Amino acid sequence: MIGRLTGVLLEKNPPGLLIDVQGLGYEVDSPMSTFYALPALGETVSLYTHLVVREDAQLLYGFMTRTERLLFRALLKVNGVGAKVALAILSGLSTDEFLSCVATKDVAALVRVPGIGKKTAERLLVELQDKVESLGIVPLPPGASQPVADDPSAREQAEEALIALGYKPAEAVRLLDRCSEDGQSVEQMIRAALRGAAR
């Protein structure tokens, strides 16, 4: 089991990362909550990881904090919630927001996340009600703001990331048109779009 990776960040194309660990490149998928806290390309990053082994693939998921990984693992145990949906939840809601949803049984906030229907949201809230406290999950502190990148393809990368998180192409474009501003980095565009979708 791979529980943690420390290496040089070579690529970050939401939700995918490429991390060089002593010459071996690991492809890792991460939620946007982790993307917001990543260092610049070429710098060292450490991630807590969760490995999923399937018949056709071995998939590695990375998280900036233990709390994110604990919550991801708790979500995977909910019937009807796979890794893609769990990443979408952690991308669409901050840890604080998600814990608030569980505490208040806020189905409406969860169904705004792509891939979550009303029945899944209700089941998720019921199953996680006791687990969250027993796992010792606590809210994350607010992440630091990311520097603005003058990248002409930032808008396109943000669209691709939203589609990878489960939004339809037209919906991704609409969210970015409504919520993003000139001069924003990819991460800032995605964050604005996800916040807009959660309203």
C-alpha atoms as a PDB file:
ATOM      1  CA  MET A   1       0.000   0.000   0.000  1.00  0.00           C
ATOM      2  CA  ILE A   2       1.312   3.444  -0.922  1.00  0.00           C
ATOM      3  CA  GLY A   3       0.378   5.750   1.953  1.00  0.00           C
ATOM      4  CA  ARG A   4       2.429   8.858   1.217  1.00  0.00           C
ATOM      5  CA  LEU A   5       4.456  10.355  -1.640  1.00  0.00           C
ATOM      6  CA  THR A   6       7.127  13.028  -1.495  1.00  0.00           C
ATOM      7  CA  GLY A   7       8.647  14.229  -4.743  1.00  0.00           C
ATOM      8  CA  VAL A   8       8.950  16.956  -7.333  1.00  0.00           C
ATOM      9  CA  LEU A   9       5.716  18.259  -8.835  1.00  0.00           C
ATOM     10  CA  LEU A  10       6.119  17.951 -12.618  1.00  0.00           C
ATOM     11  CA  GLU A  11       2.584  18.488 -13.918  1.00  0.00           C
ATOM     12  CA  LYS A  12      -0.773  19.627 -12.567  1.00  0.00           C
ATOM     13  CA  ASN A  13      -3.774  19.346 -14.846  1.00  0.00           C
ATOM     14  CA  PRO A  14      -6.865  19.060 -12.635  1.00  0.00           C
ATOM     15  CA  PRO A  15      -7.669  16.521 -11.391  1.00  0.00           C
ATOM     16  CA  GLY A  16      -4.348  14.876 -12.401  1.00  0.00           C
ATOM     17  CA  LEU A  17      -0.839  15.355 -11.024  1.00  0.00           C
ATOM     18  CA  LEU A  18       2.527  13.917 -12.043  1.00  0.00           C
ATOM     19  CA  ILE A  19       5.041  13.610  -9.216  1.00  0.00           C
ATOM     20  CA  ASP A  20       8.663  12.545  -9.720  1.00  0.00           C
ATOM     21  CA  VAL A  21       9.856  10.412  -6.806  1.00  0.00           C
ATOM     22  CA  GLN A  22      13.564   9.710  -7.356  1.00  0.00           C
ATOM     23  CA  GLY A  23      13.121   9.268 -11.098  1.00  0.00           C
ATOM     24  CA  LEU A  24       9.817   7.386 -10.949  1.00  0.00           C
ATOM     25  CA  GLY A  25       6.768   9.361 -12.090  1.00  0.00           C
ATOM     26  CA  TYR A  26       3.535   8.778 -10.194  1.00  0.00           C
ATOM     27  CA  GLU A  27       0.216   9.811 -11.730  1.00  0.00           C
ATOM     28  CA  VAL A  28      -2.105  10.966  -8.961  1.00  0.00           C
ATOM     29  CA  ASP A  29      -5.685  12.267  -9.019  1.00  0.00           C
ATOM     30  CA  SER A  30      -6.555  14.858  -6.384  1.00  0.00           C
ATOM     31  CA  PRO A  31      -9.563  16.948  -5.356  1.00  0.00           C
ATOM     32  CA  MET A  32      -9.513  20.689  -5.935  1.00  0.00           C
ATOM     33  CA  SER A  33      -9.062  21.241  -2.188  1.00  0.00           C
ATOM     34  CA  THR A  34      -5.581  19.762  -2.642  1.00  0.00           C
ATOM     35  CA  PHE A  35      -4.913  21.633  -5.899  1.00  0.00           C
ATOM     36  CA  TYR A  36      -5.480  24.962  -4.151  1.00  0.00           C
ATOM     37  CA  ALA A  37      -2.641  24.180  -1.732  1.00  0.00           C
ATOM     38  CA  LEU A  38      -0.078  22.798  -4.216  1.00  0.00           C
ATOM     39  CA  PRO A  39       3.326  24.461  -4.623  1.00  0.00           C
ATOM     40  CA  ALA A  40       4.615  25.682  -7.986  1.00  0.00           C
ATOM     41  CA  LEU A  41       5.824  23.228 -10.632  1.00  0.00           C
ATOM     42  CA  GLY A  42       9.357  22.032  -9.926  1.00  0.00           C
ATOM     43  CA  GLU A  43       8.949  22.275  -6.169  1.00  0.00           C
ATOM     44  CA  THR A  44       8.710  19.423  -3.675  1.00  0.00           C
ATOM     45  CA  VAL A  45       5.290  18.240  -2.571  1.00  0.00           C
ATOM     46  CA  SER A  46       4.152  15.637  -0.041  1.00  0.00           C
ATOM     47  CA  LEU A  47       0.749  13.986  -0.349  1.00  0.00           C
ATOM     48  CA  TYR A  48      -1.138  11.408   1.680  1.00  0.00           C
ATOM     49  CA  THR A  49      -2.306   8.773  -0.774  1.00  0.00           C
ATOM     50  CA  HIS A  50      -4.951   6.119  -1.248  1.00  0.00           C
ATOM     51  CA  LEU A  51      -4.392   3.288  -3.726  1.00  0.00           C
ATOM     52  CA  VAL A  52      -7.314   1.642  -5.518  1.00  0.00           C
ATOM     53  CA  VAL A  53      -6.520  -1.654  -7.249  1.00  0.00           C
ATOM     54  CA  ARG A  54      -8.921  -2.826  -9.949  1.00  0.00           C
ATOM     55  CA  GLU A  55      -8.730  -5.594 -12.511  1.00  0.00           C
ATOM     56  CA  ASP A  56      -7.924  -3.096 -15.270  1.00  0.00           C
ATOM     57  CA  ALA A  57      -6.003  -0.401 -13.384  1.00  0.00           C
ATOM     58  CA  GLN A  58      -4.165   0.737 -10.276  1.00  0.00           C
ATOM     59  CA  LEU A  59      -5.321   4.242  -9.353  1.00  0.00           C
ATOM     60  CA  LEU A  60      -3.572   6.541  -6.907  1.00  0.00           C
ATOM     61  CA  TYR A  61      -5.352   9.424  -5.188  1.00  0.00           C
ATOM     62  CA  GLY A  62      -3.462  12.152  -3.340  1.00  0.00           C
ATOM     63  CA  PHE A  63      -4.443  14.562  -0.577  1.00  0.00           C
ATOM     64  CA  MET A  64      -2.698  17.458   1.087  1.00  0.00           C
ATOM     65  CA  THR A  65      -3.964  16.483   4.549  1.00  0.00           C
ATOM     66  CA  ARG A  66      -4.879  13.368   6.494  1.00  0.00           C
ATOM     67  CA  THR A  67      -8.339  14.841   6.999  1.00  0.00           C
ATOM     68  CA  GLU A  68      -9.029  14.901   3.254  1.00  0.00           C
ATOM     69  CA  ARG A  69      -7.894  11.298   2.926  1.00  0.00           C
ATOM     70  CA  LEU A  70      -9.992  10.180   5.901  1.00  0.00           C
ATOM     71  CA  LEU A  71     -13.050  11.839   4.410  1.00  0.00           C
ATOM     72  CA  PHE A  72     -12.333  10.354   0.970  1.00  0.00           C
ATOM     73  CA  ARG A  73     -12.083   6.865   2.488  1.00  0.00           C
ATOM     74  CA  ALA A  74     -15.291   7.392   4.447  1.00  0.00           C
ATOM     75  CA  LEU A  75     -17.078   8.463   1.267  1.00  0.00           C
ATOM     76  CA  LEU A  76     -15.876   5.368  -0.618  1.00  0.00           C
ATOM     77  CA  LYS A  77     -17.627   3.183   1.957  1.00  0.00           C
ATOM     78  CA  VAL A  78     -20.998   4.733   1.128  1.00  0.00           C
ATOM     79  CA  ASN A  79     -23.019   2.607  -1.273  1.00  0.00           C
ATOM     80  CA  GLY A  80     -23.212   4.291  -4.682  1.00  0.00           C
ATOM     81  CA  VAL A  81     -20.217   6.582  -4.117  1.00  0.00           C
ATOM     82  CA  GLY A  82     -17.093   5.756  -6.118  1.00  0.00           C
ATOM     83  CA  ALA A  83     -13.750   7.519  -6.298  1.00  0.00           C
ATOM     84  CA  LYS A  84     -14.870   9.947  -9.022  1.00  0.00           C
ATOM     85  CA  VAL A  85     -17.900  11.073  -7.039  1.00  0.00           C
ATOM     86  CA  ALA A  86     -15.858  11.292  -3.817  1.00  0.00           C
ATOM     87  CA  LEU A  87     -13.351  13.578  -5.592  1.00  0.00           C
ATOM     88  CA  ALA A  88     -16.211  15.696  -6.930  1.00  0.00           C
ATOM     89  CA  ILE A  89     -17.621  16.099  -3.410  1.00  0.00           C
ATOM     90  CA  LEU A  90     -14.235  17.149  -2.000  1.00  0.00           C
ATOM     91  CA  SER A  91     -13.799  19.511  -4.946  1.00  0.00           C
ATOM     92  CA  GLY A  92     -17.248  21.070  -4.787  1.00  0.00           C
ATOM     93  CA  LEU A  93     -17.400  21.521  -1.016  1.00  0.00           C
ATOM     94  CA  SER A  94     -14.725  22.478   1.469  1.00  0.00           C
ATOM     95  CA  THR A  95     -14.252  20.156   4.431  1.00  0.00           C
ATOM     96  CA  ASP A  96     -16.058  22.686   6.628  1.00  0.00           C
ATOM     97  CA  GLU A  97     -18.960  22.898   4.192  1.00  0.00           C
ATOM     98  CA  PHE A  98     -19.247  19.135   3.882  1.00  0.00           C
ATOM     99  CA  LEU A  99     -19.160  18.586   7.641  1.00  0.00           C
ATOM    100  CA  SER A 100     -21.835  21.259   7.959  1.00  0.00           C
ATOM    101  CA  CYS A 101     -23.951  19.388   5.383  1.00  0.00           C
ATOM    102  CA  VAL A 102     -23.613  16.184   7.398  1.00  0.00           C
ATOM    103  CA  ALA A 103     -24.421  17.922  10.689  1.00  0.00           C
ATOM    104  CA  THR A 104     -27.497  19.718   9.307  1.00  0.00           C
ATOM    105  CA  LYS A 105     -28.505  16.951   6.863  1.00  0.00           C
ATOM    106  CA  ASP A 106     -28.421  19.476   4.017  1.00  0.00           C
ATOM    107  CA  VAL A 107     -29.422  17.343   1.021  1.00  0.00           C
ATOM    108  CA  ALA A 108     -29.853  20.379  -1.243  1.00  0.00           C
ATOM    109  CA  ALA A 109     -26.175  21.372  -0.999  1.00  0.00           C
ATOM    110  CA  LEU A 110     -24.999  17.856  -1.874  1.00  0.00           C
ATOM    111  CA  VAL A 111     -27.235  17.370  -4.916  1.00  0.00           C
ATOM    112  CA  ARG A 112     -25.528  20.381  -6.541  1.00  0.00           C
ATOM    113  CA  VAL A 113     -22.345  18.286  -6.786  1.00  0.00           C
ATOM    114  CA  PRO A 114     -22.173  16.484 -10.164  1.00  0.00           C
ATOM    115  CA  GLY A 115     -22.915  12.775  -9.852  1.00  0.00           C
ATOM    116  CA  ILE A 116     -24.940  13.131  -6.629  1.00  0.00           C
ATOM    117  CA  GLY A 117     -28.674  12.540  -6.853  1.00  0.00           C
ATOM    118  CA  LYS A 118     -31.177  13.026  -4.064  1.00  0.00           C
ATOM    119  CA  LYS A 119     -31.221   9.354  -2.998  1.00  0.00           C
ATOM    120  CA  THR A 120     -27.422   9.144  -2.932  1.00  0.00           C
ATOM    121  CA  ALA A 121     -27.208  12.404  -0.964  1.00  0.00           C
ATOM    122  CA  GLU A 122     -29.725  11.169   1.604  1.00  0.00           C
ATOM    123  CA  ARG A 123     -27.956   7.813   1.975  1.00  0.00           C
ATOM    124  CA  LEU A 124     -24.578   9.538   2.236  1.00  0.00           C
ATOM    125  CA  LEU A 125     -25.768  11.839   5.024  1.00  0.00           C
ATOM    126  CA  VAL A 126     -27.317   8.981   6.985  1.00  0.00           C
ATOM    127  CA  GLU A 127     -24.272   6.704   6.685  1.00  0.00           C
ATOM    128  CA  LEU A 128     -21.742   9.421   7.503  1.00  0.00           C
ATOM    129  CA  GLN A 129     -23.631  10.903  10.461  1.00  0.00           C
ATOM    130  CA  ASP A 130     -21.875   8.668  13.004  1.00  0.00           C
ATOM    131  CA  LYS A 131     -18.724   7.882  11.029  1.00  0.00           C
ATOM    132  CA  VAL A 132     -17.464  11.468  10.772  1.00  0.00           C
ATOM    133  CA  GLU A 133     -17.228  11.888  14.532  1.00  0.00           C
ATOM    134  CA  SER A 134     -15.767   8.425  15.111  1.00  0.00           C
ATOM    135  CA  LEU A 135     -13.065   9.061  12.487  1.00  0.00           C
ATOM    136  CA  GLY A 136     -11.994  12.202  14.280  1.00  0.00           C
ATOM    137  CA  ILE A 137     -12.457  14.351  11.179  1.00  0.00           C
ATOM    138  CA  VAL A 138     -12.111  18.052  11.925  1.00  0.00           C
ATOM    139  CA  PRO A 139     -12.546  21.071   9.645  1.00  0.00           C
ATOM    140  CA  LEU A 140      -9.589  22.199   7.557  1.00  0.00           C
ATOM    141  CA  PRO A 141      -8.191  25.721   7.894  1.00  0.00           C
ATOM    142  CA  PRO A 142      -8.839  27.979   4.892  1.00  0.00           C
ATOM    143  CA  GLY A 143      -6.297  27.446   2.115  1.00  0.00           C
ATOM    144  CA  ALA A 144      -3.864  30.113   1.029  1.00  0.00           C
ATOM    145  CA  SER A 145      -4.713  32.025  -2.116  1.00  0.00           C
ATOM    146  CA  GLN A 146      -2.863  30.952  -5.246  1.00  0.00           C
ATOM    147  CA  PRO A 147      -0.763  33.283  -7.401  1.00  0.00           C
ATOM    148  CA  VAL A 148      -2.229  34.476 -10.679  1.00  0.00           C
ATOM    149  CA  ALA A 149      -0.695  32.808 -13.734  1.00  0.00           C
ATOM    150  CA  ASP A 150      -0.576  34.614 -17.081  1.00  0.00           C
ATOM    151  CA  ASP A 151      -1.460  31.507 -19.062  1.00  0.00           C
ATOM    152  CA  PRO A 152      -3.605  31.990 -22.178  1.00  0.00           C
ATOM    153  CA  SER A 153      -4.786  28.391 -21.920  1.00  0.00           C
ATOM    154  CA  ALA A 154      -5.929  28.743 -18.291  1.00  0.00           C
ATOM    155  CA  ARG A 155      -9.596  29.015 -19.311  1.00  0.00           C
ATOM    156  CA  GLU A 156      -9.332  25.861 -21.430  1.00  0.00           C
ATOM    157  CA  GLN A 157      -7.631  23.956 -18.586  1.00  0.00           C
ATOM    158  CA  ALA A 158     -10.321  25.095 -16.177  1.00  0.00           C
ATOM    159  CA  GLU A 159     -13.034  23.847 -18.564  1.00  0.00           C
ATOM    160  CA  GLU A 160     -11.297  20.464 -18.887  1.00  0.00           C
ATOM    161  CA  ALA A 161     -10.983  20.186 -15.110  1.00  0.00           C
ATOM    162  CA  LEU A 162     -14.682  20.896 -14.554  1.00  0.00           C
ATOM    163  CA  ILE A 163     -15.608  18.309 -17.189  1.00  0.00           C
ATOM    164  CA  ALA A 164     -13.295  15.787 -15.498  1.00  0.00           C
ATOM    165  CA  LEU A 165     -15.111  16.507 -12.234  1.00  0.00           C
ATOM    166  CA  GLY A 166     -18.426  15.526 -13.831  1.00  0.00           C
ATOM    167  CA  TYR A 167     -19.870  18.728 -15.296  1.00  0.00           C
ATOM    168  CA  LYS A 168     -21.211  18.683 -18.855  1.00  0.00           C
ATOM    169  CA  PRO A 169     -19.171  20.815 -21.314  1.00  0.00           C
ATOM    170  CA  ALA A 170     -21.944  23.400 -21.758  1.00  0.00           C
ATOM    171  CA  GLU A 171     -22.393  23.640 -17.988  1.00  0.00           C
ATOM    172  CA  ALA A 172     -18.639  24.091 -17.456  1.00  0.00           C
ATOM    173  CA  VAL A 173     -18.602  26.935 -19.987  1.00  0.00           C
ATOM    174  CA  ARG A 174     -21.640  28.566 -18.371  1.00  0.00           C
ATOM    175  CA  LEU A 175     -20.128  28.414 -14.884  1.00  0.00           C
ATOM    176  CA  LEU A 176     -16.839  29.915 -16.059  1.00  0.00           C
ATOM    177  CA  ASP A 177     -18.613  32.648 -18.034  1.00  0.00           C
ATOM    178  CA  ARG A 178     -20.622  33.576 -14.977  1.00  0.00           C
ATOM    179  CA  CYS A 179     -18.005  33.273 -12.246  1.00  0.00           C
ATOM    180  CA  SER A 180     -14.465  33.667 -13.595  1.00  0.00           C
ATOM    181  CA  GLU A 181     -12.606  36.927 -14.155  1.00  0.00           C
ATOM    182  CA  ASP A 182      -9.687  38.030 -16.321  1.00  0.00           C
ATOM    183  CA  GLY A 183      -6.246  37.362 -14.850  1.00  0.00           C
ATOM    184  CA  GLN A 184      -7.280  34.426 -12.697  1.00  0.00           C
ATOM    185  CA  SER A 185      -5.180  31.278 -12.451  1.00  0.00           C
ATOM    186  CA  VAL A 186      -6.639  27.880 -13.401  1.00  0.00           C
ATOM    187  CA  GLU A 187      -7.197  27.080  -9.719  1.00  0.00           C
ATOM    188  CA  GLN A 188      -8.937  30.399  -9.073  1.00  0.00           C
ATOM    189  CA  MET A 189     -11.242  29.918 -12.073  1.00  0.00           C
ATOM    190  CA  ILE A 190     -12.189  26.413 -10.936  1.00  0.00           C
ATOM    191  CA  ARG A 191     -12.754  27.555  -7.359  1.00  0.00           C
ATOM    192  CA  ALA A 192     -15.013  30.404  -8.515  1.00  0.00           C
ATOM    193  CA  ALA A 193     -16.984  28.061 -10.789  1.00  0.00           C
ATOM    194  CA  LEU A 194     -17.460  25.455  -8.039  1.00  0.00           C
ATOM    195  CA  ARG A 195     -18.603  28.107  -5.598  1.00  0.00           C
ATOM    196  CA  GLY A 196     -21.031  29.416  -8.201  1.00  0.00           C
ATOM    197  CA  ALA A 197     -22.404  25.915  -8.758  1.00  0.00           C
ATOM    198  CA  ALA A 198     -22.972  25.447  -5.039  1.00  0.00           C
ATOM    199  CA  ARG A 199     -25.193  28.536  -4.759  1.00  0.00           C
END
